[in-house]
């Protein structure tokens, strides 16, 4: 897989972990599973940034996201 795919996967995992964190905090629980998913998302994003020559600019992220989604959705 290319770095763009890792970046998009990391962003999706991070986005899905936010509701889990909010739910755990509102119930008074420790967000252990959410912390693990945030670490996984961070590792995916960090790997993508390090693998991409020159890294990513914030303005490139929507284009990368659309390109990866268009590649896998027919």
PDB file of N, CA and C in Angstrom:
ATOM      1  N   UNK A   1       0.845  -1.183   0.000  1.00  0.00           N
ATOM      2  CA  UNK A   1       0.000   0.000   0.000  1.00  0.00           C
ATOM      3  C   UNK A   1       0.888   1.242   0.000  1.00  0.00           C
ATOM      4  N   UNK A   2       0.359   2.255  -0.597  1.00  0.00           N
ATOM      5  CA  UNK A   2       1.125   3.493  -0.669  1.00  0.00           C
ATOM      6  C   UNK A   2       0.856   4.370   0.560  1.00  0.00           C
ATOM      7  N   UNK A   3       1.663   5.388   0.779  1.00  0.00           N
ATOM      8  CA  UNK A   3       1.495   6.248   1.959  1.00  0.00           C
ATOM      9  C   UNK A   3       0.140   6.953   2.012  1.00  0.00           C
ATOM     10  N   UNK A   4      -0.433   7.240   0.856  1.00  0.00           N
ATOM     11  CA  UNK A   4      -1.745   7.896   0.852  1.00  0.00           C
ATOM     12  C   UNK A   4      -2.803   7.025   1.522  1.00  0.00           C
ATOM     13  N   UNK A   5      -2.752   5.732   1.263  1.00  0.00           N
ATOM     14  CA  UNK A   5      -3.719   4.815   1.862  1.00  0.00           C
ATOM     15  C   UNK A   5      -3.534   4.738   3.374  1.00  0.00           C
ATOM     16  N   UNK A   6      -2.288   4.707   3.825  1.00  0.00           N
ATOM     17  CA  UNK A   6      -2.035   4.681   5.265  1.00  0.00           C
ATOM     18  C   UNK A   6      -2.530   5.969   5.933  1.00  0.00           C
ATOM     19  N   UNK A   7      -2.359   7.097   5.254  1.00  0.00           N
ATOM     20  CA  UNK A   7      -2.834   8.366   5.808  1.00  0.00           C
ATOM     21  C   UNK A   7      -4.349   8.360   5.949  1.00  0.00           C
ATOM     22  N   UNK A   8      -5.037   7.913   4.918  1.00  0.00           N
ATOM     23  CA  UNK A   8      -6.504   7.889   4.962  1.00  0.00           C
ATOM     24  C   UNK A   8      -6.998   6.906   6.012  1.00  0.00           C
ATOM     25  N   UNK A   9      -6.388   5.730   6.097  1.00  0.00           N
ATOM     26  CA  UNK A   9      -6.780   4.768   7.132  1.00  0.00           C
ATOM     27  C   UNK A   9      -6.557   5.334   8.531  1.00  0.00           C
ATOM     28  N   UNK A  10      -5.442   6.009   8.728  1.00  0.00           N
ATOM     29  CA  UNK A  10      -5.173   6.619  10.022  1.00  0.00           C
ATOM     30  C   UNK A  10      -6.191   7.685  10.377  1.00  0.00           C
ATOM     31  N   UNK A  11      -6.563   8.505   9.400  1.00  0.00           N
ATOM     32  CA  UNK A  11      -7.556   9.543   9.652  1.00  0.00           C
ATOM     33  C   UNK A  11      -8.930   8.948   9.965  1.00  0.00           C
ATOM     34  N   UNK A  12      -9.291   7.877   9.266  1.00  0.00           N
ATOM     35  CA  UNK A  12     -10.589   7.234   9.514  1.00  0.00           C
ATOM     36  C   UNK A  12     -10.615   6.592  10.897  1.00  0.00           C
ATOM     37  N   UNK A  13      -9.542   5.893  11.260  1.00  0.00           N
ATOM     38  CA  UNK A  13      -9.481   5.268  12.589  1.00  0.00           C
ATOM     39  C   UNK A  13      -9.535   6.334  13.676  1.00  0.00           C
ATOM     40  N   UNK A  14      -8.843   7.436  13.477  1.00  0.00           N
ATOM     41  CA  UNK A  14      -8.861   8.522  14.461  1.00  0.00           C
ATOM     42  C   UNK A  14     -10.258   9.133  14.575  1.00  0.00           C
ATOM     43  N   UNK A  15     -10.929   9.287  13.449  1.00  0.00           N
ATOM     44  CA  UNK A  15     -12.276   9.870  13.481  1.00  0.00           C
ATOM     45  C   UNK A  15     -13.266   8.951  14.189  1.00  0.00           C
ATOM     46  N   UNK A  16     -13.128   7.646  13.982  1.00  0.00           N
ATOM     47  CA  UNK A  16     -14.041   6.711  14.649  1.00  0.00           C
ATOM     48  C   UNK A  16     -13.738   6.554  16.136  1.00  0.00           C
ATOM     49  N   UNK A  17     -12.562   6.896  16.574  1.00  0.00           N
ATOM     50  CA  UNK A  17     -12.246   6.736  17.988  1.00  0.00           C
ATOM     51  C   UNK A  17     -12.729   7.917  18.833  1.00  0.00           C
ATOM     52  N   UNK A  18     -12.998   9.049  18.217  1.00  0.00           N
ATOM     53  CA  UNK A  18     -13.454  10.220  18.976  1.00  0.00           C
ATOM     54  C   UNK A  18     -14.789   9.958  19.678  1.00  0.00           C
ATOM     55  N   UNK A  19     -15.817   9.404  19.004  1.00  0.00           N
ATOM     56  CA  UNK A  19     -17.056   9.112  19.743  1.00  0.00           C
ATOM     57  C   UNK A  19     -16.860   8.110  20.876  1.00  0.00           C
ATOM     58  N   UNK A  20     -15.945   7.170  20.681  1.00  0.00           N
ATOM     59  CA  UNK A  20     -15.665   6.198  21.732  1.00  0.00           C
ATOM     60  C   UNK A  20     -15.041   6.863  22.950  1.00  0.00           C
ATOM     61  N   UNK A  21     -14.146   7.798  22.710  1.00  0.00           N
ATOM     62  CA  UNK A  21     -13.532   8.541  23.817  1.00  0.00           C
ATOM     63  C   UNK A  21     -14.585   9.352  24.552  1.00  0.00           C
ATOM     64  N   UNK A  22     -15.422  10.040  23.814  1.00  0.00           N
ATOM     65  CA  UNK A  22     -16.459  10.874  24.436  1.00  0.00           C
ATOM     66  C   UNK A  22     -17.437  10.019  25.247  1.00  0.00           C
ATOM     67  N   UNK A  23     -17.793   8.849  24.719  1.00  0.00           N
ATOM     68  CA  UNK A  23     -18.702   7.961  25.432  1.00  0.00           C
ATOM     69  C   UNK A  23     -18.077   7.456  26.726  1.00  0.00           C
ATOM     70  N   UNK A  24     -16.827   7.060  26.667  1.00  0.00           N
ATOM     71  CA  UNK A  24     -16.164   6.548  27.871  1.00  0.00           C
ATOM     72  C   UNK A  24     -16.035   7.639  28.923  1.00  0.00           C
ATOM     73  N   UNK A  25     -15.683   8.841  28.504  1.00  0.00           N
ATOM     74  CA  UNK A  25     -15.536   9.925  29.475  1.00  0.00           C
ATOM     75  C   UNK A  25     -16.877  10.336  30.084  1.00  0.00           C
ATOM     76  N   UNK A  26     -17.938  10.312  29.281  1.00  0.00           N
ATOM     77  CA  UNK A  26     -19.241  10.704  29.828  1.00  0.00           C
ATOM     78  C   UNK A  26     -19.808   9.643  30.767  1.00  0.00           C
ATOM     79  N   UNK A  27     -19.403   8.372  30.568  1.00  0.00           N
ATOM     80  CA  UNK A  27     -19.847   7.304  31.468  1.00  0.00           C
ATOM     81  C   UNK A  27     -18.945   7.149  32.683  1.00  0.00           C
ATOM     82  N   UNK A  28     -17.858   7.906  32.734  1.00  0.00           N
ATOM     83  CA  UNK A  28     -16.942   7.830  33.862  1.00  0.00           C
ATOM     84  C   UNK A  28     -15.982   6.653  33.775  1.00  0.00           C
ATOM     85  N   UNK A  29     -15.828   6.085  32.575  1.00  0.00           N
ATOM     86  CA  UNK A  29     -14.900   4.971  32.393  1.00  0.00           C
ATOM     87  C   UNK A  29     -13.578   5.482  31.837  1.00  0.00           C
ATOM     88  N   UNK A  30     -12.554   4.655  31.966  1.00  0.00           N
ATOM     89  CA  UNK A  30     -11.250   4.973  31.386  1.00  0.00           C
ATOM     90  C   UNK A  30     -11.285   4.539  29.920  1.00  0.00           C
ATOM     91  N   UNK A  31     -10.939   5.427  29.000  1.00  0.00           N
ATOM     92  CA  UNK A  31     -11.021   5.076  27.573  1.00  0.00           C
ATOM     93  C   UNK A  31      -9.817   4.270  27.090  1.00  0.00           C
ATOM     94  N   UNK A  32      -9.704   3.031  27.571  1.00  0.00           N
ATOM     95  CA  UNK A  32      -8.548   2.204  27.216  1.00  0.00           C
ATOM     96  C   UNK A  32      -8.551   1.813  25.743  1.00  0.00           C
ATOM     97  N   UNK A  33      -9.670   1.281  25.266  1.00  0.00           N
ATOM     98  CA  UNK A  33      -9.741   0.862  23.864  1.00  0.00           C
ATOM     99  C   UNK A  33      -9.572   2.061  22.936  1.00  0.00           C
ATOM    100  N   UNK A  34     -10.120   3.185  23.327  1.00  0.00           N
ATOM    101  CA  UNK A  34      -9.991   4.392  22.512  1.00  0.00           C
ATOM    102  C   UNK A  34      -8.552   4.875  22.470  1.00  0.00           C
ATOM    103  N   UNK A  35      -7.857   4.752  23.563  1.00  0.00           N
ATOM    104  CA  UNK A  35      -6.446   5.150  23.592  1.00  0.00           C
ATOM    105  C   UNK A  35      -5.615   4.269  22.672  1.00  0.00           C
ATOM    106  N   UNK A  36      -5.937   2.988  22.629  1.00  0.00           N
ATOM    107  CA  UNK A  36      -5.214   2.082  21.733  1.00  0.00           C
ATOM    108  C   UNK A  36      -5.497   2.434  20.281  1.00  0.00           C
ATOM    109  N   UNK A  37      -6.751   2.745  19.956  1.00  0.00           N
ATOM    110  CA  UNK A  37      -7.070   3.096  18.574  1.00  0.00           C
ATOM    111  C   UNK A  37      -6.434   4.428  18.170  1.00  0.00           C
ATOM    112  N   UNK A  38      -6.330   5.342  19.104  1.00  0.00           N
ATOM    113  CA  UNK A  38      -5.641   6.609  18.806  1.00  0.00           C
ATOM    114  C   UNK A  38      -4.158   6.352  18.542  1.00  0.00           C
ATOM    115  N   UNK A  39      -3.543   5.455  19.304  1.00  0.00           N
ATOM    116  CA  UNK A  39      -2.146   5.107  19.065  1.00  0.00           C
ATOM    117  C   UNK A  39      -1.964   4.452  17.690  1.00  0.00           C
ATOM    118  N   UNK A  40      -2.886   3.567  17.323  1.00  0.00           N
ATOM    119  CA  UNK A  40      -2.825   2.929  16.009  1.00  0.00           C
ATOM    120  C   UNK A  40      -2.979   3.970  14.911  1.00  0.00           C
ATOM    121  N   UNK A  41      -3.941   4.876  15.072  1.00  0.00           N
ATOM    122  CA  UNK A  41      -4.151   5.929  14.079  1.00  0.00           C
ATOM    123  C   UNK A  41      -2.932   6.826  13.971  1.00  0.00           C
ATOM    124  N   UNK A  42      -2.356   7.174  15.090  1.00  0.00           N
ATOM    125  CA  UNK A  42      -1.162   8.009  15.080  1.00  0.00           C
ATOM    126  C   UNK A  42       0.008   7.323  14.390  1.00  0.00           C
ATOM    127  N   UNK A  43       0.143   6.021  14.622  1.00  0.00           N
ATOM    128  CA  UNK A  43       1.222   5.274  13.972  1.00  0.00           C
ATOM    129  C   UNK A  43       1.017   5.219  12.463  1.00  0.00           C
ATOM    130  N   UNK A  44      -0.216   5.016  12.022  1.00  0.00           N
ATOM    131  CA  UNK A  44      -0.505   4.997  10.586  1.00  0.00           C
ATOM    132  C   UNK A  44      -0.215   6.350   9.945  1.00  0.00           C
ATOM    133  N   UNK A  45      -0.631   7.411  10.598  1.00  0.00           N
ATOM    134  CA  UNK A  45      -0.412   8.751  10.054  1.00  0.00           C
ATOM    135  C   UNK A  45       1.073   9.083  10.047  1.00  0.00           C
ATOM    136  N   UNK A  46       1.768   8.749  11.118  1.00  0.00           N
ATOM    137  CA  UNK A  46       3.205   9.013  11.184  1.00  0.00           C
ATOM    138  C   UNK A  46       3.965   8.236  10.110  1.00  0.00           C
ATOM    139  N   UNK A  47       3.598   6.971   9.908  1.00  0.00           N
ATOM    140  CA  UNK A  47       4.242   6.176   8.864  1.00  0.00           C
ATOM    141  C   UNK A  47       3.992   6.790   7.486  1.00  0.00           C
ATOM    142  N   UNK A  48       2.773   7.252   7.244  1.00  0.00           N
ATOM    143  CA  UNK A  48       2.451   7.857   5.949  1.00  0.00           C
ATOM    144  C   UNK A  48       3.253   9.129   5.727  1.00  0.00           C
ATOM    145  N   UNK A  49       3.381   9.945   6.750  1.00  0.00           N
ATOM    146  CA  UNK A  49       4.122  11.206   6.617  1.00  0.00           C
ATOM    147  C   UNK A  49       5.606  10.935   6.377  1.00  0.00           C
ATOM    148  N   UNK A  50       6.147   9.935   7.070  1.00  0.00           N
ATOM    149  CA  UNK A  50       7.564   9.622   6.900  1.00  0.00           C
ATOM    150  C   UNK A  50       7.842   8.936   5.567  1.00  0.00           C
ATOM    151  N   UNK A  51       6.882   8.197   5.038  1.00  0.00           N
ATOM    152  CA  UNK A  51       7.075   7.483   3.778  1.00  0.00           C
ATOM    153  C   UNK A  51       6.926   8.383   2.564  1.00  0.00           C
ATOM    154  N   UNK A  52       6.140   9.423   2.697  1.00  0.00           N
ATOM    155  CA  UNK A  52       5.901  10.350   1.589  1.00  0.00           C
ATOM    156  C   UNK A  52       7.072  11.334   1.496  1.00  0.00           C
ATOM    157  N   UNK A  53       7.750  11.378   0.346  1.00  0.00           N
ATOM    158  CA  UNK A  53       8.838  12.358   0.207  1.00  0.00           C
ATOM    159  C   UNK A  53       8.292  13.784   0.318  1.00  0.00           C
ATOM    160  N   UNK A  54       8.791  14.532   1.257  1.00  0.00           N
ATOM    161  CA  UNK A  54       8.322  15.894   1.457  1.00  0.00           C
ATOM    162  C   UNK A  54       7.139  15.996   2.402  1.00  0.00           C
ATOM    163  N   UNK A  55       6.578  14.873   2.808  1.00  0.00           N
ATOM    164  CA  UNK A  55       5.445  14.890   3.729  1.00  0.00           C
ATOM    165  C   UNK A  55       4.173  15.360   3.066  1.00  0.00           C
ATOM    166  N   UNK A  56       3.226  15.781   3.870  1.00  0.00           N
ATOM    167  CA  UNK A  56       1.929  16.263   3.398  1.00  0.00           C
ATOM    168  C   UNK A  56       1.692  17.656   3.938  1.00  0.00           C
ATOM    169  N   UNK A  57       1.078  18.490   3.134  1.00  0.00           N
ATOM    170  CA  UNK A  57       0.603  19.789   3.597  1.00  0.00           C
ATOM    171  C   UNK A  57      -0.865  19.633   3.966  1.00  0.00           C
ATOM    172  N   UNK A  58      -1.345  20.475   4.846  1.00  0.00           N
ATOM    173  CA  UNK A  58      -2.742  20.399   5.257  1.00  0.00           C
ATOM    174  C   UNK A  58      -3.684  20.568   4.067  1.00  0.00           C
ATOM    175  N   UNK A  59      -3.290  21.348   3.089  1.00  0.00           N
ATOM    176  CA  UNK A  59      -4.148  21.575   1.929  1.00  0.00           C
ATOM    177  C   UNK A  59      -4.204  20.356   1.007  1.00  0.00           C
ATOM    178  N   UNK A  60      -3.274  19.420   1.140  1.00  0.00           N
ATOM    179  CA  UNK A  60      -3.257  18.225   0.306  1.00  0.00           C
ATOM    180  C   UNK A  60      -4.147  17.110   0.836  1.00  0.00           C
ATOM    181  N   UNK A  61      -4.503  17.154   2.095  1.00  0.00           N
ATOM    182  CA  UNK A  61      -5.214  16.041   2.722  1.00  0.00           C
ATOM    183  C   UNK A  61      -6.572  15.773   2.077  1.00  0.00           C
ATOM    184  N   UNK A  62      -7.404  16.774   1.772  1.00  0.00           N
ATOM    185  CA  UNK A  62      -8.674  16.450   1.097  1.00  0.00           C
ATOM    186  C   UNK A  62      -8.472  15.802  -0.274  1.00  0.00           C
ATOM    187  N   UNK A  63      -7.483  16.248  -1.026  1.00  0.00           N
ATOM    188  CA  UNK A  63      -7.210  15.652  -2.332  1.00  0.00           C
ATOM    189  C   UNK A  63      -6.746  14.205  -2.191  1.00  0.00           C
ATOM    190  N   UNK A  64      -5.902  13.951  -1.217  1.00  0.00           N
ATOM    191  CA  UNK A  64      -5.424  12.587  -0.976  1.00  0.00           C
ATOM    192  C   UNK A  64      -6.590  11.695  -0.576  1.00  0.00           C
ATOM    193  N   UNK A  65      -7.456  12.197   0.282  1.00  0.00           N
ATOM    194  CA  UNK A  65      -8.598  11.420   0.745  1.00  0.00           C
ATOM    195  C   UNK A  65      -9.499  11.058  -0.428  1.00  0.00           C
ATOM    196  N   UNK A  66      -9.811  12.018  -1.280  1.00  0.00           N
ATOM    197  CA  UNK A  66     -10.683  11.766  -2.433  1.00  0.00           C
ATOM    198  C   UNK A  66     -10.016  10.803  -3.408  1.00  0.00           C
ATOM    199  N   UNK A  67      -8.720  10.948  -3.621  1.00  0.00           N
ATOM    200  CA  UNK A  67      -8.005  10.066  -4.535  1.00  0.00           C
ATOM    201  C   UNK A  67      -8.038   8.614  -4.057  1.00  0.00           C
ATOM    202  N   UNK A  68      -7.839   8.404  -2.760  1.00  0.00           N
ATOM    203  CA  UNK A  68      -7.833   7.042  -2.214  1.00  0.00           C
ATOM    204  C   UNK A  68      -9.240   6.460  -2.245  1.00  0.00           C
ATOM    205  N   UNK A  69     -10.228   7.231  -1.883  1.00  0.00           N
ATOM    206  CA  UNK A  69     -11.609   6.735  -1.917  1.00  0.00           C
ATOM    207  C   UNK A  69     -12.023   6.417  -3.350  1.00  0.00           C
ATOM    208  N   UNK A  70     -11.666   7.248  -4.293  1.00  0.00           N
ATOM    209  CA  UNK A  70     -12.009   7.018  -5.698  1.00  0.00           C
ATOM    210  C   UNK A  70     -11.310   5.781  -6.241  1.00  0.00           C
ATOM    211  N   UNK A  71     -10.147   5.473  -5.712  1.00  0.00           N
ATOM    212  CA  UNK A  71      -9.420   4.287  -6.168  1.00  0.00           C
ATOM    213  C   UNK A  71     -10.130   3.002  -5.758  1.00  0.00           C
ATOM    214  N   UNK A  72     -10.770   2.983  -4.592  1.00  0.00           N
ATOM    215  CA  UNK A  72     -11.364   1.748  -4.086  1.00  0.00           C
ATOM    216  C   UNK A  72     -12.873   1.676  -4.234  1.00  0.00           C
ATOM    217  N   UNK A  73     -13.536   2.765  -4.488  1.00  0.00           N
ATOM    218  CA  UNK A  73     -14.984   2.745  -4.698  1.00  0.00           C
ATOM    219  C   UNK A  73     -15.236   2.782  -6.197  1.00  0.00           C
ATOM    220  N   UNK A  74     -15.947   1.796  -6.708  1.00  0.00           N
ATOM    221  CA  UNK A  74     -16.164   1.761  -8.173  1.00  0.00           C
ATOM    222  C   UNK A  74     -17.097   2.847  -8.671  1.00  0.00           C
TER     223      UNK A  74
END
